[in-house]
PDB file of N, CA and C in Angstrom:
ATOM      1  N   MET A   1      -0.741 -12.097  -5.251  1.00  0.00           N
ATOM      2  CA  MET A   1       0.215 -12.925  -4.660  1.00  0.00           C
ATOM      3  C   MET A   1       0.022 -12.917  -3.191  1.00  0.00           C
ATOM      4  N   MET A   2      -0.116 -14.109  -2.636  1.00  0.00           N
ATOM      5  CA  MET A   2      -0.407 -14.231  -1.240  1.00  0.00           C
ATOM      6  C   MET A   2       0.798 -14.803  -0.462  1.00  0.00           C
ATOM      7  N   ALA A   3       0.820 -14.663   0.823  1.00  0.00           N
ATOM      8  CA  ALA A   3       1.731 -15.344   1.719  1.00  0.00           C
ATOM      9  C   ALA A   3       1.120 -15.942   2.909  1.00  0.00           C
ATOM     10  N   VAL A   4       1.693 -16.984   3.432  1.00  0.00           N
ATOM     11  CA  VAL A   4       1.082 -17.551   4.634  1.00  0.00           C
ATOM     12  C   VAL A   4       2.295 -18.063   5.564  1.00  0.00           C
ATOM     13  N   ALA A   5       2.153 -17.922   6.768  1.00  0.00           N
ATOM     14  CA  ALA A   5       3.159 -18.353   7.792  1.00  0.00           C
ATOM     15  C   ALA A   5       3.034 -19.882   7.764  1.00  0.00           C
ATOM     16  N   PHE A   6       4.189 -20.568   7.901  1.00  0.00           N
ATOM     17  CA  PHE A   6       4.208 -21.956   7.915  1.00  0.00           C
ATOM     18  C   PHE A   6       5.149 -22.490   9.014  1.00  0.00           C
ATOM     19  N   ASP A   7       4.745 -23.408   9.888  1.00  0.00           N
ATOM     20  CA  ASP A   7       5.639 -24.022  10.921  1.00  0.00           C
ATOM     21  C   ASP A   7       5.467 -25.510  10.704  1.00  0.00           C
ATOM     22  N   GLY A   8       6.562 -26.109  10.354  1.00  0.00           N
ATOM     23  CA  GLY A   8       6.591 -27.496  10.143  1.00  0.00           C
ATOM     24  C   GLY A   8       7.254 -28.329  11.314  1.00  0.00           C
ATOM     25  N   ALA A   9       7.546 -27.613  12.411  1.00  0.00           N
ATOM     26  CA  ALA A   9       8.243 -28.310  13.551  1.00  0.00           C
ATOM     27  C   ALA A   9       7.450 -29.242  14.326  1.00  0.00           C
ATOM     28  N   GLY A  10       6.112 -29.130  14.346  1.00  0.00           N
ATOM     29  CA  GLY A  10       5.304 -30.021  15.167  1.00  0.00           C
ATOM     30  C   GLY A  10       4.966 -31.275  14.395  1.00  0.00           C
ATOM     31  N   ALA A  11       4.099 -32.087  15.001  1.00  0.00           N
ATOM     32  CA  ALA A  11       3.635 -33.407  14.427  1.00  0.00           C
ATOM     33  C   ALA A  11       2.885 -33.043  13.195  1.00  0.00           C
ATOM     34  N   GLU A  12       2.116 -32.047  13.140  1.00  0.00           N
ATOM     35  CA  GLU A  12       1.411 -31.597  11.925  1.00  0.00           C
ATOM     36  C   GLU A  12       1.736 -30.125  11.576  1.00  0.00           C
ATOM     37  N   PRO A  13       1.754 -29.797  10.340  1.00  0.00           N
ATOM     38  CA  PRO A  13       2.186 -28.405   9.914  1.00  0.00           C
ATOM     39  C   PRO A  13       1.162 -27.471  10.454  1.00  0.00           C
ATOM     40  N   ALA A  14       1.584 -26.248  10.884  1.00  0.00           N
ATOM     41  CA  ALA A  14       0.665 -25.155  11.353  1.00  0.00           C
ATOM     42  C   ALA A  14       0.782 -24.021  10.282  1.00  0.00           C
ATOM     43  N   LEU A  15      -0.389 -23.600   9.790  1.00  0.00           N
ATOM     44  CA  LEU A  15      -0.454 -22.619   8.865  1.00  0.00           C
ATOM     45  C   LEU A  15      -1.026 -21.311   9.418  1.00  0.00           C
ATOM     46  N   GLY A  16      -0.488 -20.150   9.179  1.00  0.00           N
ATOM     47  CA  GLY A  16      -1.095 -18.863   9.604  1.00  0.00           C
ATOM     48  C   GLY A  16      -2.176 -18.435   8.673  1.00  0.00           C
ATOM     49  N   ARG A  17      -2.633 -17.189   8.914  1.00  0.00           N
ATOM     50  CA  ARG A  17      -3.657 -16.530   7.980  1.00  0.00           C
ATOM     51  C   ARG A  17      -2.993 -16.005   6.763  1.00  0.00           C
ATOM     52  N   PRO A  18      -3.712 -16.256   5.587  1.00  0.00           N
ATOM     53  CA  PRO A  18      -3.058 -15.728   4.377  1.00  0.00           C
ATOM     54  C   PRO A  18      -3.184 -14.232   4.279  1.00  0.00           C
ATOM     55  N   THR A  19      -2.119 -13.556   3.840  1.00  0.00           N
ATOM     56  CA  THR A  19      -2.140 -12.155   3.675  1.00  0.00           C
ATOM     57  C   THR A  19      -1.640 -11.819   2.231  1.00  0.00           C
ATOM     58  N   ALA A  20      -2.194 -10.734   1.724  1.00  0.00           N
ATOM     59  CA  ALA A  20      -1.896 -10.306   0.404  1.00  0.00           C
ATOM     60  C   ALA A  20      -0.505  -9.558   0.427  1.00  0.00           C
ATOM     61  N   LEU A  21       0.390 -10.032  -0.443  1.00  0.00           N
ATOM     62  CA  LEU A  21       1.607  -9.343  -0.576  1.00  0.00           C
ATOM     63  C   LEU A  21       1.506  -8.075  -1.463  1.00  0.00           C
ATOM     64  N   PHE A  22       0.805  -8.267  -2.495  1.00  0.00           N
ATOM     65  CA  PHE A  22       0.547  -7.163  -3.403  1.00  0.00           C
ATOM     66  C   PHE A  22      -0.516  -7.584  -4.498  1.00  0.00           C
ATOM     67  N   ALA A  23      -1.228  -6.619  -5.096  1.00  0.00           N
ATOM     68  CA  ALA A  23      -2.200  -6.949  -6.068  1.00  0.00           C
ATOM     69  C   ALA A  23      -1.910  -6.168  -7.387  1.00  0.00           C
ATOM     70  N   ASP A  24      -1.885  -6.840  -8.487  1.00  0.00           N
ATOM     71  CA  ASP A  24      -1.621  -6.217  -9.804  1.00  0.00           C
ATOM     72  C   ASP A  24      -2.019  -7.250 -10.815  1.00  0.00           C
ATOM     73  N   VAL A  25      -1.842  -6.963 -12.120  1.00  0.00           N
ATOM     74  CA  VAL A  25      -2.174  -7.851 -13.162  1.00  0.00           C
ATOM     75  C   VAL A  25      -0.864  -8.416 -13.668  1.00  0.00           C
ATOM     76  N   TYR A  26      -0.818  -9.816 -13.524  1.00  0.00           N
ATOM     77  CA  TYR A  26       0.475 -10.503 -13.892  1.00  0.00           C
ATOM     78  C   TYR A  26       0.122 -11.603 -14.976  1.00  0.00           C
ATOM     79  N   ASP A  27       1.130 -11.873 -15.828  1.00  0.00           N
ATOM     80  CA  ASP A  27       0.928 -12.811 -16.914  1.00  0.00           C
ATOM     81  C   ASP A  27       0.931 -14.273 -16.283  1.00  0.00           C
ATOM     82  N   PHE A  28       0.281 -15.107 -16.924  1.00  0.00           N
ATOM     83  CA  PHE A  28       0.249 -16.576 -16.567  1.00  0.00           C
ATOM     84  C   PHE A  28       1.293 -17.269 -17.320  1.00  0.00           C
ATOM     85  N   GLY A  29       1.783 -18.318 -16.748  1.00  0.00           N
ATOM     86  CA  GLY A  29       2.720 -19.279 -17.486  1.00  0.00           C
ATOM     87  C   GLY A  29       1.941 -19.986 -18.521  1.00  0.00           C
ATOM     88  N   GLN A  30       2.567 -20.974 -19.083  1.00  0.00           N
ATOM     89  CA  GLN A  30       1.819 -21.851 -20.130  1.00  0.00           C
ATOM     90  C   GLN A  30       0.733 -22.653 -19.352  1.00  0.00           C
ATOM     91  N   GLY A  31      -0.435 -22.341 -19.551  1.00  0.00           N
ATOM     92  CA  GLY A  31      -1.578 -23.004 -18.901  1.00  0.00           C
ATOM     93  C   GLY A  31      -1.659 -22.406 -17.490  1.00  0.00           C
ATOM     94  N   LEU A  32      -2.492 -22.928 -16.675  1.00  0.00           N
ATOM     95  CA  LEU A  32      -2.648 -22.374 -15.343  1.00  0.00           C
ATOM     96  C   LEU A  32      -1.852 -23.026 -14.344  1.00  0.00           C
ATOM     97  N   SER A  33      -1.263 -24.211 -14.661  1.00  0.00           N
ATOM     98  CA  SER A  33      -0.441 -24.956 -13.654  1.00  0.00           C
ATOM     99  C   SER A  33       1.067 -24.508 -13.596  1.00  0.00           C
ATOM    100  N   ILE A  34       1.491 -23.770 -14.628  1.00  0.00           N
ATOM    101  CA  ILE A  34       2.924 -23.389 -14.687  1.00  0.00           C
ATOM    102  C   ILE A  34       3.016 -21.980 -14.205  1.00  0.00           C
ATOM    103  N   PRO A  35       3.795 -21.709 -13.133  1.00  0.00           N
ATOM    104  CA  PRO A  35       3.899 -20.349 -12.534  1.00  0.00           C
ATOM    105  C   PRO A  35       4.732 -19.475 -13.469  1.00  0.00           C
ATOM    106  N   ASN A  36       4.444 -18.123 -13.385  1.00  0.00           N
ATOM    107  CA  ASN A  36       5.147 -17.178 -14.104  1.00  0.00           C
ATOM    108  C   ASN A  36       6.140 -16.488 -13.227  1.00  0.00           C
ATOM    109  N   TYR A  37       6.576 -17.104 -12.110  1.00  0.00           N
ATOM    110  CA  TYR A  37       7.481 -16.564 -11.259  1.00  0.00           C
ATOM    111  C   TYR A  37       8.465 -17.521 -10.738  1.00  0.00           C
ATOM    112  N   ASP A  38       9.528 -17.137 -10.129  1.00  0.00           N
ATOM    113  CA  ASP A  38      10.550 -18.020  -9.531  1.00  0.00           C
ATOM    114  C   ASP A  38      11.062 -17.372  -8.174  1.00  0.00           C
ATOM    115  N   VAL A  39      11.381 -18.205  -7.170  1.00  0.00           N
ATOM    116  CA  VAL A  39      11.874 -17.726  -5.941  1.00  0.00           C
ATOM    117  C   VAL A  39      13.390 -17.976  -5.925  1.00  0.00           C
ATOM    118  N   THR A  40      14.119 -16.965  -5.477  1.00  0.00           N
ATOM    119  CA  THR A  40      15.525 -17.164  -5.426  1.00  0.00           C
ATOM    120  C   THR A  40      15.936 -17.745  -4.037  1.00  0.00           C
ATOM    121  N   ARG A  41      17.262 -18.203  -3.906  1.00  0.00           N
ATOM    122  CA  ARG A  41      17.646 -18.730  -2.672  1.00  0.00           C
ATOM    123  C   ARG A  41      17.518 -17.835  -1.463  1.00  0.00           C
ATOM    124  N   ASP A  42      17.699 -16.574  -1.676  1.00  0.00           N
ATOM    125  CA  ASP A  42      17.629 -15.655  -0.552  1.00  0.00           C
ATOM    126  C   ASP A  42      16.212 -15.205  -0.295  1.00  0.00           C
ATOM    127  N   GLY A  43      15.160 -15.718  -0.975  1.00  0.00           N
ATOM    128  CA  GLY A  43      13.831 -15.407  -0.648  1.00  0.00           C
ATOM    129  C   GLY A  43      13.208 -14.397  -1.555  1.00  0.00           C
ATOM    130  N   ARG A  44      13.991 -13.787  -2.429  1.00  0.00           N
ATOM    131  CA  ARG A  44      13.394 -12.760  -3.344  1.00  0.00           C
ATOM    132  C   ARG A  44      12.760 -13.533  -4.514  1.00  0.00           C
ATOM    133  N   PHE A  45      11.921 -12.901  -5.325  1.00  0.00           N
ATOM    134  CA  PHE A  45      11.376 -13.521  -6.447  1.00  0.00           C
ATOM    135  C   PHE A  45      11.229 -12.638  -7.675  1.00  0.00           C
ATOM    136  N   LEU A  46      11.106 -13.292  -8.836  1.00  0.00           N
ATOM    137  CA  LEU A  46      10.887 -12.621 -10.086  1.00  0.00           C
ATOM    138  C   LEU A  46       9.493 -12.980 -10.551  1.00  0.00           C
ATOM    139  N   MET A  47       8.886 -12.028 -11.185  1.00  0.00           N
ATOM    140  CA  MET A  47       7.513 -12.247 -11.692  1.00  0.00           C
ATOM    141  C   MET A  47       7.262 -11.485 -12.896  1.00  0.00           C
ATOM    142  N   LEU A  48       6.562 -12.060 -13.881  1.00  0.00           N
ATOM    143  CA  LEU A  48       6.289 -11.277 -15.165  1.00  0.00           C
ATOM    144  C   LEU A  48       4.969 -10.527 -14.908  1.00  0.00           C
ATOM    145  N   GLN A  49       5.063  -9.257 -15.138  1.00  0.00           N
ATOM    146  CA  GLN A  49       3.889  -8.310 -15.013  1.00  0.00           C
ATOM    147  C   GLN A  49       3.382  -7.985 -16.405  1.00  0.00           C
ATOM    148  N   ARG A  50       2.015  -7.958 -16.618  1.00  0.00           N
ATOM    149  CA  ARG A  50       1.442  -7.633 -17.759  1.00  0.00           C
ATOM    150  C   ARG A  50       1.590  -6.164 -18.093  1.00  0.00           C
ATOM    151  N   ALA A  51       2.017  -5.758 -19.242  1.00  0.00           N
ATOM    152  CA  ALA A  51       2.322  -4.366 -19.592  1.00  0.00           C
ATOM    153  C   ALA A  51       1.149  -3.729 -20.227  1.00  0.00           C
ATOM    154  N   GLY A  52       0.158  -4.356 -20.750  1.00  0.00           N
ATOM    155  CA  GLY A  52      -1.006  -3.727 -21.407  1.00  0.00           C
ATOM    156  C   GLY A  52      -1.631  -4.827 -22.303  1.00  0.00           C
ATOM    157  N   GLN A  53      -2.248  -4.249 -23.346  1.00  0.00           N
ATOM    158  CA  GLN A  53      -2.952  -5.225 -24.286  1.00  0.00           C
ATOM    159  C   GLN A  53      -2.058  -6.102 -25.069  1.00  0.00           C
ATOM    160  N   GLU A  54      -0.810  -5.582 -25.438  1.00  0.00           N
ATOM    161  CA  GLU A  54       0.163  -6.364 -26.241  1.00  0.00           C
ATOM    162  C   GLU A  54       1.018  -7.189 -25.205  1.00  0.00           C
ATOM    163  N   SER A  55       1.643  -8.230 -25.729  1.00  0.00           N
ATOM    164  CA  SER A  55       2.498  -8.969 -24.899  1.00  0.00           C
ATOM    165  C   SER A  55       3.837  -9.077 -25.682  1.00  0.00           C
ATOM    166  N   ALA A  56       4.869  -8.807 -25.005  1.00  0.00           N
ATOM    167  CA  ALA A  56       6.306  -9.015 -25.536  1.00  0.00           C
ATOM    168  C   ALA A  56       7.155  -9.381 -24.414  1.00  0.00           C
ATOM    169  N   LEU A  57       8.032 -10.290 -24.711  1.00  0.00           N
ATOM    170  CA  LEU A  57       8.977 -10.849 -23.757  1.00  0.00           C
ATOM    171  C   LEU A  57      10.373 -10.574 -24.314  1.00  0.00           C
ATOM    172  N   ARG A  58      11.148  -9.898 -23.504  1.00  0.00           N
ATOM    173  CA  ARG A  58      12.542  -9.637 -23.970  1.00  0.00           C
ATOM    174  C   ARG A  58      13.508 -10.690 -23.379  1.00  0.00           C
ATOM    175  N   VAL A  59      14.252 -11.356 -24.234  1.00  0.00           N
ATOM    176  CA  VAL A  59      15.162 -12.325 -23.792  1.00  0.00           C
ATOM    177  C   VAL A  59      16.627 -11.772 -23.955  1.00  0.00           C
ATOM    178  N   VAL A  60      17.402 -11.858 -22.926  1.00  0.00           N
ATOM    179  CA  VAL A  60      18.797 -11.317 -23.006  1.00  0.00           C
ATOM    180  C   VAL A  60      19.659 -12.470 -22.876  1.00  0.00           C
ATOM    181  N   LEU A  61      20.325 -12.826 -23.932  1.00  0.00           N
ATOM    182  CA  LEU A  61      21.396 -13.908 -23.842  1.00  0.00           C
ATOM    183  C   LEU A  61      22.679 -13.215 -23.342  1.00  0.00           C
ATOM    184  N   ASN A  62      23.471 -14.146 -22.729  1.00  0.00           N
ATOM    185  CA  ASN A  62      24.703 -13.650 -22.183  1.00  0.00           C
ATOM    186  C   ASN A  62      24.525 -12.430 -21.174  1.00  0.00           C
ATOM    187  N   TRP A  63      23.453 -12.619 -20.293  1.00  0.00           N
ATOM    188  CA  TRP A  63      23.080 -11.477 -19.507  1.00  0.00           C
ATOM    189  C   TRP A  63      24.080 -10.957 -18.534  1.00  0.00           C
ATOM    190  N   THR A  64      25.072 -11.845 -18.097  1.00  0.00           N
ATOM    191  CA  THR A  64      26.028 -11.342 -17.214  1.00  0.00           C
ATOM    192  C   THR A  64      26.870 -10.290 -17.916  1.00  0.00           C
ATOM    193  N   GLU A  65      27.246 -10.422 -19.164  1.00  0.00           N
ATOM    194  CA  GLU A  65      27.961  -9.395 -19.883  1.00  0.00           C
ATOM    195  C   GLU A  65      27.197  -8.153 -20.074  1.00  0.00           C
ATOM    196  N   GLU A  66      25.841  -8.327 -20.286  1.00  0.00           N
ATOM    197  CA  GLU A  66      24.979  -7.136 -20.420  1.00  0.00           C
ATOM    198  C   GLU A  66      24.896  -6.420 -19.034  1.00  0.00           C
ATOM    199  N   LEU A  67      24.845  -7.160 -17.969  1.00  0.00           N
ATOM    200  CA  LEU A  67      24.785  -6.564 -16.641  1.00  0.00           C
ATOM    201  C   LEU A  67      26.151  -5.752 -16.364  1.00  0.00           C
ATOM    202  N   LYS A  68      27.276  -6.319 -16.681  1.00  0.00           N
ATOM    203  CA  LYS A  68      28.532  -5.711 -16.487  1.00  0.00           C
ATOM    204  C   LYS A  68      28.594  -4.419 -17.247  1.00  0.00           C
ATOM    205  N   ARG A  69      28.160  -4.340 -18.521  1.00  0.00           N
ATOM    206  CA  ARG A  69      28.055  -3.148 -19.389  1.00  0.00           C
ATOM    207  C   ARG A  69      27.167  -2.138 -18.652  1.00  0.00           C
ATOM    208  N   ALA A  70      26.036  -2.517 -18.211  1.00  0.00           N
ATOM    209  CA  ALA A  70      25.015  -1.640 -17.667  1.00  0.00           C
ATOM    210  C   ALA A  70      25.675  -1.004 -16.418  1.00  0.00           C
ATOM    211  N   LEU A  71      26.263  -1.742 -15.526  1.00  0.00           N
ATOM    212  CA  LEU A  71      26.805  -1.345 -14.339  1.00  0.00           C
ATOM    213  C   LEU A  71      27.999  -0.357 -14.609  1.00  0.00           C
ATOM    214  N   ALA A  72      28.791  -0.706 -15.631  1.00  0.00           N
ATOM    215  CA  ALA A  72      29.967   0.199 -15.997  1.00  0.00           C
ATOM    216  C   ALA A  72      29.446   1.619 -16.518  1.00  0.00           C
ATOM    217  N   THR A  73      28.292   1.639 -17.072  1.00  0.00           N
ATOM    218  CA  THR A  73      27.867   2.909 -17.680  1.00  0.00           C
ATOM    219  C   THR A  73      26.870   3.604 -16.692  1.00  0.00           C
ATOM    220  N   GLY A  74      26.787   3.142 -15.440  1.00  0.00           N
ATOM    221  CA  GLY A  74      25.964   3.812 -14.429  1.00  0.00           C
ATOM    222  C   GLY A  74      24.516   3.347 -14.202  1.00  0.00           C
ATOM    223  N   GLY A  75      24.208   2.092 -14.700  1.00  0.00           N
ATOM    224  CA  GLY A  75      22.911   1.553 -14.476  1.00  0.00           C
ATOM    225  C   GLY A  75      22.247   1.101 -15.771  1.00  0.00           C
ATOM    226  N   ALA A  76      21.038   0.699 -15.552  1.00  0.00           N
ATOM    227  CA  ALA A  76      20.245   0.081 -16.654  1.00  0.00           C
ATOM    228  C   ALA A  76      19.900   1.112 -17.666  1.00  0.00           C
ATOM    229  N   ARG A  77      19.630   0.592 -18.938  1.00  0.00           N
ATOM    230  CA  ARG A  77      19.200   1.513 -20.035  1.00  0.00           C
ATOM    231  C   ARG A  77      17.800   1.728 -20.053  1.00  0.00           C
TER     232      ARG A  77
END
């Protein structure tokens, strides 16, 4: 995952030097053009990391209730 400074205030955008944020093995989305990450409004992001040879994705429905239960019991399971 790379980052680059961006300044769009001038007549043409100015880009800084790319820098590596971190290196690891991450899963791809469907095809190479669909990202496996999302950026939140506050600048944080979520990314799917490859766990090994097998692939499994855990889907949690009604996750706000799951979060409330986890926090009430002292954290994640």
